[in-house]
């Protein structure tokens, strides 16, 4: 449980994450600096749920195998 808490907190403390592919980077550059930051935040937001689900499944599987 401590490791999970640490991982979640470390993910929340990330200051600047670039999550754009090359096409998205060009699009964000064309729409401006502030809109580009919002675009990047949206990509991170949309990616969070699949990673959370995969992490949950992995932890459940790991605990099951450990028993």
N, C-alpha and C. Protein backbone atom coordinates (compact mmCIF):
# COMPACT_ATOMS: atom_id res chain seq x y z
N UNK A 1 0.82 -1.20 0.00
CA UNK A 1 0.00 0.00 0.00
C UNK A 1 0.87 1.26 0.00
N UNK A 2 2.01 1.18 0.68
CA UNK A 2 2.90 2.34 0.71
C UNK A 2 3.46 2.63 -0.68
N UNK A 3 3.76 1.58 -1.42
CA UNK A 3 4.31 1.77 -2.76
C UNK A 3 3.27 2.40 -3.69
N UNK A 4 2.04 1.95 -3.56
CA UNK A 4 0.98 2.51 -4.40
C UNK A 4 0.79 3.99 -4.08
N UNK A 5 0.77 4.31 -2.80
CA UNK A 5 0.62 5.71 -2.40
C UNK A 5 1.78 6.55 -2.93
N UNK A 6 2.98 6.01 -2.83
CA UNK A 6 4.15 6.72 -3.34
C UNK A 6 4.05 6.95 -4.84
N UNK A 7 3.65 5.93 -5.57
CA UNK A 7 3.53 6.06 -7.02
C UNK A 7 2.48 7.10 -7.40
N UNK A 8 1.34 7.07 -6.72
CA UNK A 8 0.29 8.04 -7.02
C UNK A 8 0.74 9.46 -6.71
N UNK A 9 1.38 9.65 -5.58
CA UNK A 9 1.86 10.98 -5.22
C UNK A 9 2.95 11.46 -6.16
N UNK A 10 3.83 10.56 -6.57
CA UNK A 10 4.89 10.98 -7.49
C UNK A 10 4.32 11.37 -8.85
N UNK A 11 3.23 10.73 -9.27
CA UNK A 11 2.60 11.10 -10.53
C UNK A 11 1.91 12.45 -10.44
N UNK A 12 1.37 12.77 -9.28
CA UNK A 12 0.70 14.05 -9.11
C UNK A 12 1.68 15.21 -9.00
N UNK A 13 2.92 14.93 -8.66
CA UNK A 13 3.91 15.98 -8.44
C UNK A 13 4.69 16.34 -9.70
N UNK A 14 4.38 15.72 -10.81
CA UNK A 14 5.08 16.01 -12.05
C UNK A 14 4.74 17.43 -12.50
N UNK A 15 5.76 18.23 -12.73
CA UNK A 15 5.56 19.63 -13.08
C UNK A 15 5.24 19.80 -14.55
N UNK A 16 6.09 19.28 -15.39
CA UNK A 16 5.91 19.47 -16.83
C UNK A 16 6.09 18.14 -17.55
N UNK A 17 5.05 17.71 -18.22
CA UNK A 17 5.10 16.45 -18.96
C UNK A 17 4.70 16.75 -20.40
N UNK A 18 5.50 16.30 -21.32
CA UNK A 18 5.19 16.48 -22.73
C UNK A 18 4.62 15.16 -23.25
N UNK A 19 3.32 15.17 -23.55
CA UNK A 19 2.66 13.93 -23.95
C UNK A 19 2.12 14.00 -25.37
N UNK A 20 2.75 14.78 -26.19
CA UNK A 20 2.22 14.98 -27.53
C UNK A 20 3.05 14.23 -28.56
N UNK A 21 2.34 13.66 -29.52
CA UNK A 21 3.03 13.08 -30.66
C UNK A 21 3.48 14.22 -31.58
N UNK A 22 4.18 13.92 -32.62
CA UNK A 22 4.70 14.97 -33.49
C UNK A 22 3.58 15.75 -34.19
N UNK A 23 2.52 15.08 -34.57
CA UNK A 23 1.40 15.76 -35.22
C UNK A 23 0.69 16.67 -34.23
N UNK A 24 0.48 16.18 -33.01
CA UNK A 24 -0.17 17.00 -31.99
C UNK A 24 0.69 18.20 -31.61
N UNK A 25 2.01 18.02 -31.61
CA UNK A 25 2.91 19.13 -31.29
C UNK A 25 2.79 20.24 -32.33
N UNK A 26 2.73 19.87 -33.60
CA UNK A 26 2.57 20.87 -34.66
C UNK A 26 1.23 21.59 -34.54
N UNK A 27 0.17 20.85 -34.23
CA UNK A 27 -1.15 21.45 -34.06
C UNK A 27 -1.15 22.41 -32.88
N UNK A 28 -0.56 21.99 -31.77
CA UNK A 28 -0.50 22.84 -30.57
C UNK A 28 0.32 24.09 -30.83
N UNK A 29 1.38 23.98 -31.62
CA UNK A 29 2.21 25.14 -31.93
C UNK A 29 1.44 26.14 -32.79
N UNK A 30 0.56 25.66 -33.63
CA UNK A 30 -0.21 26.54 -34.50
C UNK A 30 -1.32 27.27 -33.75
N UNK A 31 -1.86 26.67 -32.69
CA UNK A 31 -2.98 27.30 -32.00
C UNK A 31 -2.54 28.20 -30.86
N UNK A 32 -1.27 28.25 -30.55
CA UNK A 32 -0.77 29.18 -29.54
C UNK A 32 -0.26 28.49 -28.29
N UNK A 33 0.45 29.28 -27.48
CA UNK A 33 1.11 28.74 -26.30
C UNK A 33 0.12 28.25 -25.23
N UNK A 34 -0.84 29.09 -24.87
CA UNK A 34 -1.79 28.71 -23.81
C UNK A 34 -2.68 27.55 -24.25
N UNK A 35 -3.16 27.61 -25.46
CA UNK A 35 -3.99 26.52 -25.96
C UNK A 35 -3.18 25.23 -26.07
N UNK A 36 -1.92 25.35 -26.40
CA UNK A 36 -1.05 24.17 -26.47
C UNK A 36 -0.87 23.52 -25.12
N UNK A 37 -0.75 24.34 -24.07
CA UNK A 37 -0.64 23.80 -22.71
C UNK A 37 -1.92 23.07 -22.32
N UNK A 38 -3.05 23.65 -22.68
CA UNK A 38 -4.33 23.00 -22.40
C UNK A 38 -4.49 21.71 -23.18
N UNK A 39 -4.03 21.72 -24.42
CA UNK A 39 -4.06 20.53 -25.26
C UNK A 39 -3.25 19.40 -24.63
N UNK A 40 -2.05 19.75 -24.13
CA UNK A 40 -1.18 18.77 -23.49
C UNK A 40 -1.82 18.24 -22.21
N UNK A 41 -2.44 19.11 -21.43
CA UNK A 41 -3.11 18.68 -20.20
C UNK A 41 -4.27 17.73 -20.53
N UNK A 42 -4.96 17.98 -21.62
CA UNK A 42 -6.06 17.10 -22.03
C UNK A 42 -5.56 15.72 -22.41
N UNK A 43 -4.42 15.66 -23.06
CA UNK A 43 -3.84 14.36 -23.42
C UNK A 43 -3.48 13.58 -22.17
N UNK A 44 -2.86 14.25 -21.20
CA UNK A 44 -2.51 13.60 -19.94
C UNK A 44 -3.76 13.12 -19.22
N UNK A 45 -4.80 13.95 -19.20
CA UNK A 45 -6.06 13.61 -18.54
C UNK A 45 -6.69 12.37 -19.17
N UNK A 46 -6.71 12.32 -20.49
CA UNK A 46 -7.30 11.18 -21.18
C UNK A 46 -6.48 9.90 -21.01
N UNK A 47 -5.18 10.03 -20.83
CA UNK A 47 -4.32 8.86 -20.68
C UNK A 47 -4.35 8.32 -19.26
N UNK A 48 -4.79 9.10 -18.29
CA UNK A 48 -4.74 8.68 -16.89
C UNK A 48 -5.63 7.48 -16.61
N UNK A 49 -6.83 7.46 -17.13
CA UNK A 49 -7.76 6.38 -16.82
C UNK A 49 -7.30 5.02 -17.35
N UNK A 50 -6.86 4.88 -18.59
CA UNK A 50 -6.37 3.56 -19.02
C UNK A 50 -5.18 3.06 -18.19
N UNK A 51 -4.28 3.99 -17.81
CA UNK A 51 -3.16 3.58 -16.98
C UNK A 51 -3.62 3.18 -15.59
N UNK A 52 -4.60 3.87 -15.04
CA UNK A 52 -5.15 3.52 -13.73
C UNK A 52 -5.81 2.14 -13.77
N UNK A 53 -6.55 1.87 -14.81
CA UNK A 53 -7.21 0.57 -14.95
C UNK A 53 -6.17 -0.54 -15.10
N UNK A 54 -5.17 -0.32 -15.94
CA UNK A 54 -4.12 -1.32 -16.12
C UNK A 54 -3.36 -1.55 -14.82
N UNK A 55 -3.10 -0.49 -14.07
CA UNK A 55 -2.43 -0.62 -12.79
C UNK A 55 -3.26 -1.40 -11.79
N UNK A 56 -4.55 -1.15 -11.77
CA UNK A 56 -5.45 -1.86 -10.87
C UNK A 56 -5.47 -3.35 -11.20
N UNK A 57 -5.59 -3.67 -12.46
CA UNK A 57 -5.60 -5.08 -12.89
C UNK A 57 -4.26 -5.73 -12.56
N UNK A 58 -3.16 -5.04 -12.78
CA UNK A 58 -1.84 -5.60 -12.48
C UNK A 58 -1.66 -5.87 -10.99
N UNK A 59 -2.13 -4.96 -10.16
CA UNK A 59 -2.01 -5.15 -8.71
C UNK A 59 -2.86 -6.32 -8.25
N UNK A 60 -4.09 -6.42 -8.77
CA UNK A 60 -4.95 -7.55 -8.41
C UNK A 60 -4.32 -8.87 -8.85
N UNK A 61 -3.77 -8.89 -10.05
CA UNK A 61 -3.13 -10.10 -10.56
C UNK A 61 -1.91 -10.46 -9.71
N UNK A 62 -1.10 -9.46 -9.37
CA UNK A 62 0.10 -9.67 -8.56
C UNK A 62 -0.26 -10.22 -7.19
N UNK A 63 -1.28 -9.66 -6.56
CA UNK A 63 -1.72 -10.14 -5.25
C UNK A 63 -2.25 -11.58 -5.34
N UNK A 64 -2.97 -11.89 -6.40
CA UNK A 64 -3.51 -13.23 -6.60
C UNK A 64 -2.36 -14.24 -6.78
N UNK A 65 -1.35 -13.87 -7.55
CA UNK A 65 -0.21 -14.75 -7.78
C UNK A 65 0.62 -14.92 -6.51
N UNK A 66 0.65 -13.89 -5.68
CA UNK A 66 1.44 -13.93 -4.46
C UNK A 66 0.85 -14.93 -3.46
N UNK A 67 -0.48 -15.10 -3.48
CA UNK A 67 -1.12 -16.04 -2.57
C UNK A 67 -0.88 -17.41 -3.07
